[in-house]
Amino acid sequence: MSKALPFVVRSDHPQNADAPKQYSKREKKPFPVPIVDLRRAARERVKNNKDKPKRPLPPPKNGMVVKSLVPLAYKVYNARIRLINNLHRLMKVVRVNACGWCNEIHVGPYGHPFKSCKGPSASQRKGHHEWTNSVLEDVIVPLEAYHLYDRLGKRIRHDERFTIPRVPAVVELCIQGGVEIP
């Protein structure tokens, strides 16, 4: 026959315990640290950092490059060069027209006759496009980014924005991915 085992229920929270006390908003706030203690801690920090160098540490040599993505960065960079070269050759054979007022392009010998120009003084032209021969920048819009030698360094200030070199955004992405460009 089977013996009856004693059944014991244990709980860390007693059944009839009091609920936690409800505090007002004023009582819930943490005790503020006195200004004297904040100043004392700041003086202590300055005293401890007195002998340490004040300049930031130099960035790592290759930044934050992921080694497994370096071949992919080279593939993207080479594909961009190949795209530009082949598109230039193709535009010599197939005519591409660009509107002189807006950013619309049309592939073919003549531009389309639709009145859809939204450029400046389009109302005077009644929405007609002024078609011209396009260049490579009309087809592939050049998007530029700042070329940062140290991505972890200081940010670009407003007065430095014209002194920092810019490169196409895809090229900057490839450089940050590990492509070495001379």
N, C-alpha and C. Protein backbone atom coordinates (compact mmCIF):
# COMPACT_ATOMS: atom_id res chain seq x y z
N MET A 1 0.82 -1.16 0.00
CA MET A 1 0.00 0.00 0.00
C MET A 1 0.88 1.25 0.00
N SER A 2 0.30 2.33 -0.43
CA SER A 2 1.06 3.57 -0.53
C SER A 2 0.88 4.38 0.75
N LYS A 3 1.94 4.98 1.13
CA LYS A 3 1.90 5.83 2.31
C LYS A 3 1.53 7.24 1.89
N ALA A 4 0.80 7.92 2.68
CA ALA A 4 0.45 9.31 2.41
C ALA A 4 1.62 10.19 2.82
N LEU A 5 2.14 10.96 1.85
CA LEU A 5 3.25 11.86 2.14
C LEU A 5 2.70 13.20 2.61
N PRO A 6 3.37 13.81 3.54
CA PRO A 6 2.88 15.12 3.99
C PRO A 6 3.07 16.15 2.87
N PHE A 7 2.11 17.01 2.68
CA PHE A 7 2.10 18.04 1.64
C PHE A 7 2.33 19.39 2.32
N VAL A 8 3.46 20.03 2.00
CA VAL A 8 3.82 21.28 2.65
C VAL A 8 3.92 22.37 1.58
N VAL A 9 3.25 23.48 1.82
CA VAL A 9 3.33 24.63 0.91
C VAL A 9 4.17 25.68 1.59
N ARG A 10 5.21 26.13 0.87
CA ARG A 10 6.07 27.16 1.43
C ARG A 10 5.94 28.42 0.58
N SER A 11 5.98 29.53 1.23
CA SER A 11 5.88 30.81 0.54
C SER A 11 6.76 31.82 1.25
N ASP A 12 7.47 32.58 0.44
CA ASP A 12 8.31 33.63 1.03
C ASP A 12 7.47 34.83 1.46
N HIS A 13 6.25 34.92 0.93
CA HIS A 13 5.37 36.03 1.26
C HIS A 13 4.23 35.51 2.14
N PRO A 14 4.21 35.91 3.39
CA PRO A 14 3.12 35.43 4.25
C PRO A 14 1.77 35.94 3.75
N GLN A 15 0.77 35.13 4.02
CA GLN A 15 -0.56 35.39 3.47
C GLN A 15 -1.16 36.70 3.97
N ASN A 16 -1.04 36.98 5.21
CA ASN A 16 -1.71 38.14 5.77
C ASN A 16 -0.76 39.31 6.02
N ALA A 17 0.26 39.44 5.20
CA ALA A 17 1.22 40.53 5.38
C ALA A 17 0.60 41.85 4.95
N ASP A 18 1.08 42.93 5.52
CA ASP A 18 0.57 44.25 5.17
C ASP A 18 1.08 44.66 3.79
N ALA A 19 0.25 45.37 3.06
CA ALA A 19 0.65 45.92 1.77
C ALA A 19 1.66 47.03 2.02
N PRO A 20 2.54 47.29 1.06
CA PRO A 20 3.51 48.37 1.28
C PRO A 20 2.82 49.71 1.43
N LYS A 21 3.42 50.55 2.23
CA LYS A 21 2.82 51.85 2.52
C LYS A 21 2.84 52.73 1.28
N GLN A 22 1.78 53.49 1.05
CA GLN A 22 1.69 54.41 -0.08
C GLN A 22 2.27 55.75 0.36
N TYR A 23 3.27 56.21 -0.38
CA TYR A 23 3.92 57.47 -0.06
C TYR A 23 3.41 58.56 -0.99
N SER A 24 3.45 59.79 -0.53
CA SER A 24 3.07 60.92 -1.39
C SER A 24 4.23 61.21 -2.35
N LYS A 25 3.97 62.06 -3.35
CA LYS A 25 5.00 62.39 -4.34
C LYS A 25 6.22 63.02 -3.67
N ARG A 26 5.96 63.87 -2.71
CA ARG A 26 7.07 64.55 -2.03
C ARG A 26 7.93 63.55 -1.27
N GLU A 27 7.30 62.55 -0.67
CA GLU A 27 8.05 61.57 0.12
C GLU A 27 8.77 60.56 -0.76
N LYS A 28 8.30 60.34 -2.00
CA LYS A 28 8.92 59.36 -2.89
C LYS A 28 10.26 59.83 -3.43
N LYS A 29 10.44 61.14 -3.56
CA LYS A 29 11.64 61.66 -4.19
C LYS A 29 12.86 61.30 -3.35
N PRO A 30 13.97 60.98 -4.04
CA PRO A 30 15.18 60.64 -3.27
C PRO A 30 15.72 61.87 -2.55
N PHE A 31 16.48 61.60 -1.54
CA PHE A 31 17.08 62.70 -0.79
C PHE A 31 18.08 63.41 -1.69
N PRO A 32 17.99 64.72 -1.81
CA PRO A 32 18.95 65.43 -2.66
C PRO A 32 20.34 65.41 -2.04
N VAL A 33 21.34 65.36 -2.91
CA VAL A 33 22.72 65.39 -2.43
C VAL A 33 23.09 66.85 -2.19
N PRO A 34 23.57 67.17 -1.03
CA PRO A 34 23.92 68.57 -0.75
C PRO A 34 25.01 69.07 -1.70
N ILE A 35 24.95 70.36 -2.02
CA ILE A 35 25.91 70.98 -2.93
C ILE A 35 27.33 70.84 -2.39
N VAL A 36 27.47 70.89 -1.08
CA VAL A 36 28.80 70.78 -0.47
C VAL A 36 29.42 69.43 -0.83
N ASP A 37 28.60 68.36 -0.77
CA ASP A 37 29.12 67.03 -1.11
C ASP A 37 29.47 66.93 -2.59
N LEU A 38 28.67 67.56 -3.46
CA LEU A 38 28.97 67.54 -4.90
C LEU A 38 30.29 68.25 -5.18
N ARG A 39 30.49 69.40 -4.54
CA ARG A 39 31.74 70.14 -4.73
C ARG A 39 32.93 69.35 -4.21
N ARG A 40 32.74 68.71 -3.06
CA ARG A 40 33.81 67.92 -2.47
C ARG A 40 34.19 66.76 -3.40
N ALA A 41 33.19 66.10 -4.00
CA ALA A 41 33.46 65.00 -4.92
C ALA A 41 34.16 65.50 -6.18
N ALA A 42 33.77 66.68 -6.68
CA ALA A 42 34.41 67.25 -7.87
C ALA A 42 35.87 67.58 -7.59
N ARG A 43 36.14 68.17 -6.41
CA ARG A 43 37.54 68.47 -6.06
C ARG A 43 38.35 67.18 -5.95
N GLU A 44 37.75 66.15 -5.41
CA GLU A 44 38.43 64.86 -5.29
C GLU A 44 38.76 64.27 -6.67
N ARG A 45 37.80 64.39 -7.61
CA ARG A 45 38.03 63.89 -8.98
C ARG A 45 39.18 64.65 -9.65
N VAL A 46 39.18 65.98 -9.50
CA VAL A 46 40.25 66.79 -10.09
C VAL A 46 41.59 66.41 -9.48
N LYS A 47 41.61 66.19 -8.18
CA LYS A 47 42.85 65.83 -7.49
C LYS A 47 43.35 64.47 -7.96
N ASN A 48 42.45 63.51 -8.17
CA ASN A 48 42.85 62.17 -8.62
C ASN A 48 43.33 62.19 -10.07
N ASN A 49 42.75 63.05 -10.92
CA ASN A 49 43.11 63.09 -12.34
C ASN A 49 44.24 64.07 -12.63
N LYS A 50 44.85 64.61 -11.59
CA LYS A 50 45.87 65.64 -11.77
C LYS A 50 47.08 65.11 -12.53
N ASP A 51 47.51 63.91 -12.25
CA ASP A 51 48.72 63.36 -12.86
C ASP A 51 48.44 62.64 -14.18
N LYS A 52 47.19 62.44 -14.51
CA LYS A 52 46.84 61.71 -15.73
C LYS A 52 46.84 62.65 -16.93
N PRO A 53 47.13 62.12 -18.15
CA PRO A 53 47.14 63.00 -19.33
C PRO A 53 45.74 63.51 -19.65
N LYS A 54 45.68 64.76 -20.15
CA LYS A 54 44.39 65.37 -20.42
C LYS A 54 43.92 65.15 -21.85
N ARG A 55 44.81 64.73 -22.74
CA ARG A 55 44.40 64.52 -24.13
C ARG A 55 43.68 63.18 -24.25
N PRO A 56 42.76 63.07 -25.20
CA PRO A 56 42.06 61.80 -25.38
C PRO A 56 42.99 60.75 -25.97
N LEU A 57 42.66 59.52 -25.75
CA LEU A 57 43.47 58.43 -26.28
C LEU A 57 43.38 58.40 -27.79
N PRO A 58 44.45 58.02 -28.49
CA PRO A 58 44.38 57.96 -29.95
C PRO A 58 43.43 56.84 -30.39
N PRO A 59 42.81 57.01 -31.55
CA PRO A 59 41.88 55.99 -32.02
C PRO A 59 42.63 54.74 -32.43
N PRO A 60 41.96 53.61 -32.49
CA PRO A 60 42.63 52.40 -32.97
C PRO A 60 43.02 52.57 -34.43
N LYS A 61 44.04 51.84 -34.87
CA LYS A 61 44.59 52.01 -36.21
C LYS A 61 43.55 51.78 -37.30
N ASN A 62 42.74 50.74 -37.15
CA ASN A 62 41.76 50.46 -38.20
C ASN A 62 40.34 50.72 -37.73
N GLY A 63 40.17 51.54 -36.72
CA GLY A 63 38.83 51.90 -36.27
C GLY A 63 38.07 50.71 -35.73
N MET A 64 36.84 50.58 -36.18
CA MET A 64 36.00 49.47 -35.74
C MET A 64 35.70 48.56 -36.92
N VAL A 65 36.72 48.19 -37.69
CA VAL A 65 36.53 47.39 -38.89
C VAL A 65 36.17 45.96 -38.52
N VAL A 66 35.14 45.45 -39.17
CA VAL A 66 34.77 44.05 -39.02
C VAL A 66 35.48 43.29 -40.12
N LYS A 67 36.39 42.40 -39.75
CA LYS A 67 37.26 41.75 -40.72
C LYS A 67 36.49 40.94 -41.76
N SER A 68 35.35 40.38 -41.38
CA SER A 68 34.60 39.56 -42.34
C SER A 68 33.89 40.41 -43.39
N LEU A 69 33.75 41.73 -43.16
CA LEU A 69 33.08 42.60 -44.12
C LEU A 69 34.03 43.34 -45.05
N VAL A 70 35.34 43.19 -44.86
CA VAL A 70 36.31 43.88 -45.71
C VAL A 70 36.19 43.43 -47.17
N PRO A 71 36.09 42.11 -47.47
CA PRO A 71 35.92 41.72 -48.88
C PRO A 71 34.63 42.28 -49.49
N LEU A 72 33.58 42.35 -48.71
CA LEU A 72 32.32 42.92 -49.21
C LEU A 72 32.48 44.40 -49.52
N ALA A 73 33.23 45.12 -48.69
CA ALA A 73 33.46 46.54 -48.95
C ALA A 73 34.23 46.73 -50.25
N TYR A 74 35.21 45.87 -50.53
CA TYR A 74 35.93 45.95 -51.80
C TYR A 74 35.02 45.64 -52.98
N LYS A 75 34.13 44.67 -52.81
CA LYS A 75 33.18 44.34 -53.90
C LYS A 75 32.27 45.53 -54.20
N VAL A 76 31.76 46.19 -53.15
CA VAL A 76 30.88 47.34 -53.35
C VAL A 76 31.64 48.47 -54.02
N TYR A 77 32.87 48.72 -53.60
CA TYR A 77 33.67 49.80 -54.19
C TYR A 77 33.94 49.52 -55.67
N ASN A 78 34.32 48.28 -55.99
CA ASN A 78 34.59 47.93 -57.39
C ASN A 78 33.31 47.97 -58.22
N ALA A 79 32.18 47.58 -57.64
CA ALA A 79 30.90 47.62 -58.36
C ALA A 79 30.51 49.06 -58.66
N ARG A 80 30.79 49.98 -57.75
CA ARG A 80 30.49 51.40 -58.00
C ARG A 80 31.31 51.93 -59.17
N ILE A 81 32.60 51.60 -59.20
CA ILE A 81 33.45 52.04 -60.31
C ILE A 81 32.97 51.45 -61.62
N ARG A 82 32.64 50.16 -61.60
CA ARG A 82 32.15 49.50 -62.82
C ARG A 82 30.84 50.11 -63.29
N LEU A 83 29.93 50.43 -62.36
CA LEU A 83 28.66 51.05 -62.71
C LEU A 83 28.87 52.40 -63.39
N ILE A 84 29.74 53.21 -62.83
CA ILE A 84 29.99 54.54 -63.40
C ILE A 84 30.59 54.42 -64.80
N ASN A 85 31.58 53.53 -64.96
CA ASN A 85 32.22 53.38 -66.27
C ASN A 85 31.25 52.85 -67.32
N ASN A 86 30.47 51.83 -66.97
CA ASN A 86 29.54 51.25 -67.94
C ASN A 86 28.39 52.20 -68.24
N LEU A 87 27.93 52.96 -67.26
CA LEU A 87 26.86 53.92 -67.50
C LEU A 87 27.34 55.04 -68.42
N HIS A 88 28.58 55.44 -68.26
CA HIS A 88 29.15 56.47 -69.13
C HIS A 88 29.20 55.96 -70.58
N ARG A 89 29.62 54.71 -70.76
CA ARG A 89 29.66 54.13 -72.11
C ARG A 89 28.27 53.98 -72.69
N LEU A 90 27.31 53.60 -71.86
CA LEU A 90 25.93 53.41 -72.33
C LEU A 90 25.29 54.74 -72.71
N MET A 91 25.62 55.80 -71.98
CA MET A 91 25.03 57.10 -72.29
C MET A 91 25.57 57.69 -73.60
N LYS A 92 26.70 57.16 -74.10
CA LYS A 92 27.19 57.57 -75.41
C LYS A 92 26.35 56.97 -76.53
N VAL A 93 25.74 55.80 -76.26
CA VAL A 93 24.95 55.10 -77.28
C VAL A 93 23.48 55.49 -77.19
N VAL A 94 22.92 55.47 -75.98
CA VAL A 94 21.50 55.77 -75.77
C VAL A 94 21.41 57.19 -75.22
N ARG A 95 20.60 58.00 -75.85
CA ARG A 95 20.47 59.39 -75.42
C ARG A 95 19.59 59.49 -74.17
N VAL A 96 20.05 60.26 -73.22
CA VAL A 96 19.30 60.53 -72.00
C VAL A 96 19.12 62.03 -71.90
N ASN A 97 17.88 62.48 -71.77
CA ASN A 97 17.56 63.90 -71.68
C ASN A 97 17.29 64.27 -70.22
N ALA A 98 17.68 65.46 -69.85
CA ALA A 98 17.43 65.97 -68.50
C ALA A 98 16.78 67.33 -68.62
N CYS A 99 15.83 67.60 -67.73
CA CYS A 99 15.19 68.91 -67.71
C CYS A 99 16.16 69.92 -67.09
N GLY A 100 16.24 71.08 -67.70
CA GLY A 100 17.14 72.11 -67.20
C GLY A 100 16.65 72.79 -65.94
N TRP A 101 15.38 72.57 -65.58
CA TRP A 101 14.80 73.26 -64.42
C TRP A 101 14.53 72.34 -63.25
N CYS A 102 14.12 71.11 -63.51
CA CYS A 102 13.82 70.18 -62.41
C CYS A 102 14.77 68.98 -62.52
N ASN A 103 14.59 67.99 -61.67
CA ASN A 103 15.51 66.85 -61.66
C ASN A 103 14.97 65.66 -62.44
N GLU A 104 14.06 65.88 -63.36
CA GLU A 104 13.48 64.78 -64.12
C GLU A 104 14.37 64.44 -65.32
N ILE A 105 14.48 63.14 -65.61
CA ILE A 105 15.23 62.68 -66.78
C ILE A 105 14.32 61.83 -67.64
N HIS A 106 14.68 61.71 -68.93
CA HIS A 106 13.90 60.89 -69.86
C HIS A 106 14.88 60.18 -70.77
N VAL A 107 14.73 58.85 -70.88
CA VAL A 107 15.60 58.06 -71.73
C VAL A 107 14.94 57.95 -73.09
N GLY A 108 15.63 58.40 -74.12
CA GLY A 108 15.09 58.36 -75.47
C GLY A 108 15.62 59.53 -76.27
N PRO A 109 15.34 59.54 -77.58
CA PRO A 109 15.88 60.62 -78.42
C PRO A 109 15.28 61.98 -78.12
N TYR A 110 14.02 62.01 -77.69
CA TYR A 110 13.35 63.28 -77.39
C TYR A 110 12.75 63.18 -75.99
N GLY A 111 12.62 64.32 -75.34
CA GLY A 111 11.97 64.35 -74.04
C GLY A 111 10.46 64.21 -74.19
N HIS A 112 9.79 63.77 -73.15
CA HIS A 112 8.34 63.58 -73.24
C HIS A 112 7.62 64.94 -73.24
N PRO A 113 6.41 64.99 -73.81
CA PRO A 113 5.70 66.28 -73.93
C PRO A 113 4.81 66.62 -72.74
N PHE A 114 4.83 65.82 -71.69
CA PHE A 114 3.91 66.06 -70.58
C PHE A 114 4.29 67.32 -69.81
N LYS A 115 3.28 68.03 -69.36
CA LYS A 115 3.50 69.27 -68.61
C LYS A 115 3.59 68.95 -67.12
N SER A 116 4.72 68.44 -66.71
CA SER A 116 4.86 68.02 -65.31
C SER A 116 6.06 68.64 -64.62
N CYS A 117 6.63 69.68 -65.18
CA CYS A 117 7.81 70.31 -64.58
C CYS A 117 7.39 71.08 -63.32
N LYS A 118 8.13 70.89 -62.26
CA LYS A 118 7.85 71.57 -60.99
C LYS A 118 8.98 72.52 -60.61
N GLY A 119 9.90 72.78 -61.53
CA GLY A 119 11.04 73.64 -61.24
C GLY A 119 10.64 75.10 -61.11
N PRO A 120 11.64 75.97 -60.87
CA PRO A 120 11.34 77.39 -60.76
C PRO A 120 10.82 77.95 -62.09
N SER A 121 9.94 78.89 -62.00
CA SER A 121 9.25 79.53 -63.14
C SER A 121 8.54 78.52 -64.03
N ALA A 122 8.07 77.42 -63.45
CA ALA A 122 7.33 76.43 -64.23
C ALA A 122 5.97 76.97 -64.65
N SER A 123 5.41 77.87 -63.86
CA SER A 123 4.11 78.43 -64.22
C SER A 123 4.22 79.31 -65.47
N GLN A 124 5.34 79.97 -65.66
CA GLN A 124 5.54 80.78 -66.86
C GLN A 124 5.69 79.90 -68.10
N ARG A 125 6.30 78.73 -67.91
CA ARG A 125 6.45 77.79 -69.03
C ARG A 125 5.26 76.85 -69.14
N LYS A 126 4.28 77.03 -68.26
CA LYS A 126 3.06 76.21 -68.21
C LYS A 126 3.39 74.73 -68.00
N GLY A 127 4.44 74.46 -67.21
CA GLY A 127 4.79 73.09 -66.85
C GLY A 127 5.60 72.35 -67.88
N HIS A 128 5.94 73.00 -69.01
CA HIS A 128 6.75 72.33 -70.03
C HIS A 128 8.19 72.17 -69.53
N HIS A 129 8.79 71.04 -69.88
CA HIS A 129 10.20 70.80 -69.56
C HIS A 129 11.08 71.44 -70.63
N GLU A 130 12.28 71.82 -70.25
CA GLU A 130 13.29 72.24 -71.21
C GLU A 130 14.34 71.15 -71.24
N TRP A 131 14.28 70.28 -72.24
CA TRP A 131 15.13 69.11 -72.31
C TRP A 131 16.51 69.47 -72.84
N THR A 132 17.55 68.99 -72.15
CA THR A 132 18.94 69.17 -72.57
C THR A 132 19.63 67.82 -72.50
N ASN A 133 20.83 67.73 -73.05
CA ASN A 133 21.61 66.50 -72.92
C ASN A 133 22.01 66.34 -71.45
N SER A 134 21.88 65.13 -70.96
CA SER A 134 22.19 64.90 -69.55
C SER A 134 23.64 64.50 -69.37
N VAL A 135 24.09 64.63 -68.17
CA VAL A 135 25.43 64.17 -67.78
C VAL A 135 25.25 63.06 -66.75
N LEU A 136 26.36 62.45 -66.39
CA LEU A 136 26.31 61.31 -65.47
C LEU A 136 25.68 61.67 -64.13
N GLU A 137 25.91 62.89 -63.64
CA GLU A 137 25.38 63.31 -62.34
C GLU A 137 23.87 63.47 -62.36
N ASP A 138 23.26 63.60 -63.56
CA ASP A 138 21.81 63.66 -63.64
C ASP A 138 21.19 62.29 -63.40
N VAL A 139 21.89 61.24 -63.82
CA VAL A 139 21.36 59.87 -63.69
C VAL A 139 21.67 59.31 -62.31
N ILE A 140 22.92 59.43 -61.88
CA ILE A 140 23.31 58.99 -60.53
C ILE A 140 23.52 60.26 -59.71
N VAL A 141 22.62 60.52 -58.80
CA VAL A 141 22.70 61.74 -58.00
C VAL A 141 23.87 61.63 -57.03
N PRO A 142 24.81 62.58 -57.08
CA PRO A 142 25.97 62.49 -56.18
C PRO A 142 25.59 62.86 -54.75
N LEU A 143 25.71 61.92 -53.86
CA LEU A 143 25.43 62.15 -52.44
C LEU A 143 26.77 62.14 -51.73
N GLU A 144 27.13 63.22 -51.08
CA GLU A 144 28.44 63.31 -50.47
C GLU A 144 28.35 63.24 -48.95
N ALA A 145 29.43 62.73 -48.36
CA ALA A 145 29.53 62.65 -46.90
C ALA A 145 30.89 63.19 -46.49
N TYR A 146 31.01 63.64 -45.26
CA TYR A 146 32.29 64.11 -44.76
C TYR A 146 33.22 62.91 -44.63
N HIS A 147 34.47 63.09 -45.08
CA HIS A 147 35.46 62.02 -44.93
C HIS A 147 36.15 62.20 -43.59
N LEU A 148 35.81 61.35 -42.65
CA LEU A 148 36.35 61.44 -41.30
C LEU A 148 37.52 60.48 -41.16
N TYR A 149 38.66 61.00 -40.74
CA TYR A 149 39.81 60.15 -40.53
C TYR A 149 39.67 59.37 -39.22
N ASP A 150 38.95 59.94 -38.28
CA ASP A 150 38.72 59.30 -36.99
C ASP A 150 37.23 59.39 -36.67
N ARG A 151 36.53 58.28 -36.82
CA ARG A 151 35.09 58.29 -36.58
C ARG A 151 34.75 58.48 -35.12
N LEU A 152 35.68 58.15 -34.24
CA LEU A 152 35.42 58.24 -32.81
C LEU A 152 35.90 59.56 -32.22
N GLY A 153 36.45 60.42 -33.06
CA GLY A 153 37.00 61.68 -32.56
C GLY A 153 35.94 62.74 -32.35
N LYS A 154 36.41 63.99 -32.36
CA LYS A 154 35.51 65.10 -32.12
C LYS A 154 34.55 65.27 -33.29
N ARG A 155 33.39 65.84 -33.00
CA ARG A 155 32.40 66.08 -34.05
C ARG A 155 32.82 67.29 -34.87
N ILE A 156 32.20 67.43 -36.05
CA ILE A 156 32.51 68.54 -36.94
C ILE A 156 31.75 69.76 -36.46
N ARG A 157 32.49 70.83 -36.17
CA ARG A 157 31.84 72.07 -35.75
C ARG A 157 31.32 72.82 -36.96
N HIS A 158 30.44 73.77 -36.71
CA HIS A 158 29.79 74.51 -37.79
C HIS A 158 30.80 75.29 -38.63
N ASP A 159 31.80 75.87 -37.98
CA ASP A 159 32.77 76.66 -38.73
C ASP A 159 33.80 75.80 -39.45
N GLU A 160 33.83 74.48 -39.22
CA GLU A 160 34.76 73.58 -39.88
C GLU A 160 34.14 72.86 -41.08
N ARG A 161 32.88 73.10 -41.35
CA ARG A 161 32.18 72.27 -42.33
C ARG A 161 32.72 72.40 -43.75
N PHE A 162 33.39 73.51 -44.07
CA PHE A 162 33.93 73.66 -45.42
C PHE A 162 35.40 73.24 -45.50
N THR A 163 36.05 73.02 -44.37
CA THR A 163 37.45 72.63 -44.39
C THR A 163 37.63 71.12 -44.40
N ILE A 164 36.61 70.37 -44.03
CA ILE A 164 36.70 68.91 -43.98
C ILE A 164 36.36 68.37 -45.36
N PRO A 165 37.19 67.48 -45.92
CA PRO A 165 36.91 66.99 -47.27
C PRO A 165 35.65 66.13 -47.32
N ARG A 166 35.01 66.16 -48.49
CA ARG A 166 33.83 65.34 -48.71
C ARG A 166 34.12 64.35 -49.82
N VAL A 167 33.57 63.16 -49.68
CA VAL A 167 33.68 62.12 -50.71
C VAL A 167 32.29 61.56 -50.94
N PRO A 168 32.07 60.85 -52.05
CA PRO A 168 30.76 60.22 -52.23
C PRO A 168 30.43 59.30 -51.06
N ALA A 169 29.16 59.26 -50.70
CA ALA A 169 28.73 58.53 -49.50
C ALA A 169 29.05 57.04 -49.59
N VAL A 170 28.92 56.46 -50.78
CA VAL A 170 29.22 55.02 -50.93
C VAL A 170 30.70 54.78 -50.71
N VAL A 171 31.54 55.69 -51.20
CA VAL A 171 32.99 55.55 -51.01
C VAL A 171 33.34 55.67 -49.53
N GLU A 172 32.73 56.61 -48.83
CA GLU A 172 32.99 56.76 -47.39
C GLU A 172 32.56 55.51 -46.63
N LEU A 173 31.44 54.94 -47.03
CA LEU A 173 30.98 53.70 -46.40
C LEU A 173 31.96 52.57 -46.64
N CYS A 174 32.50 52.49 -47.85
CA CYS A 174 33.49 51.45 -48.16
C CYS A 174 34.79 51.68 -47.39
N ILE A 175 35.20 52.94 -47.25
CA ILE A 175 36.41 53.24 -46.48
C ILE A 175 36.23 52.81 -45.03
N GLN A 176 35.06 53.11 -44.46
CA GLN A 176 34.80 52.69 -43.08
C GLN A 176 34.66 51.18 -42.98
N GLY A 177 34.33 50.53 -44.10
CA GLY A 177 34.24 49.08 -44.12
C GLY A 177 35.59 48.40 -44.25
N GLY A 178 36.66 49.17 -44.55
CA GLY A 178 38.00 48.58 -44.59
C GLY A 178 38.73 48.74 -45.91
N VAL A 179 38.19 49.45 -46.88
CA VAL A 179 38.86 49.64 -48.16
C VAL A 179 39.99 50.65 -47.98
N GLU A 180 41.18 50.30 -48.47
CA GLU A 180 42.33 51.20 -48.42
C GLU A 180 42.41 51.95 -49.74
N ILE A 181 42.18 53.26 -49.72
CA ILE A 181 42.26 54.08 -50.92
C ILE A 181 43.47 54.98 -50.77
N PRO A 182 44.38 54.98 -51.77
CA PRO A 182 45.60 55.81 -51.63
C PRO A 182 45.30 57.28 -51.68
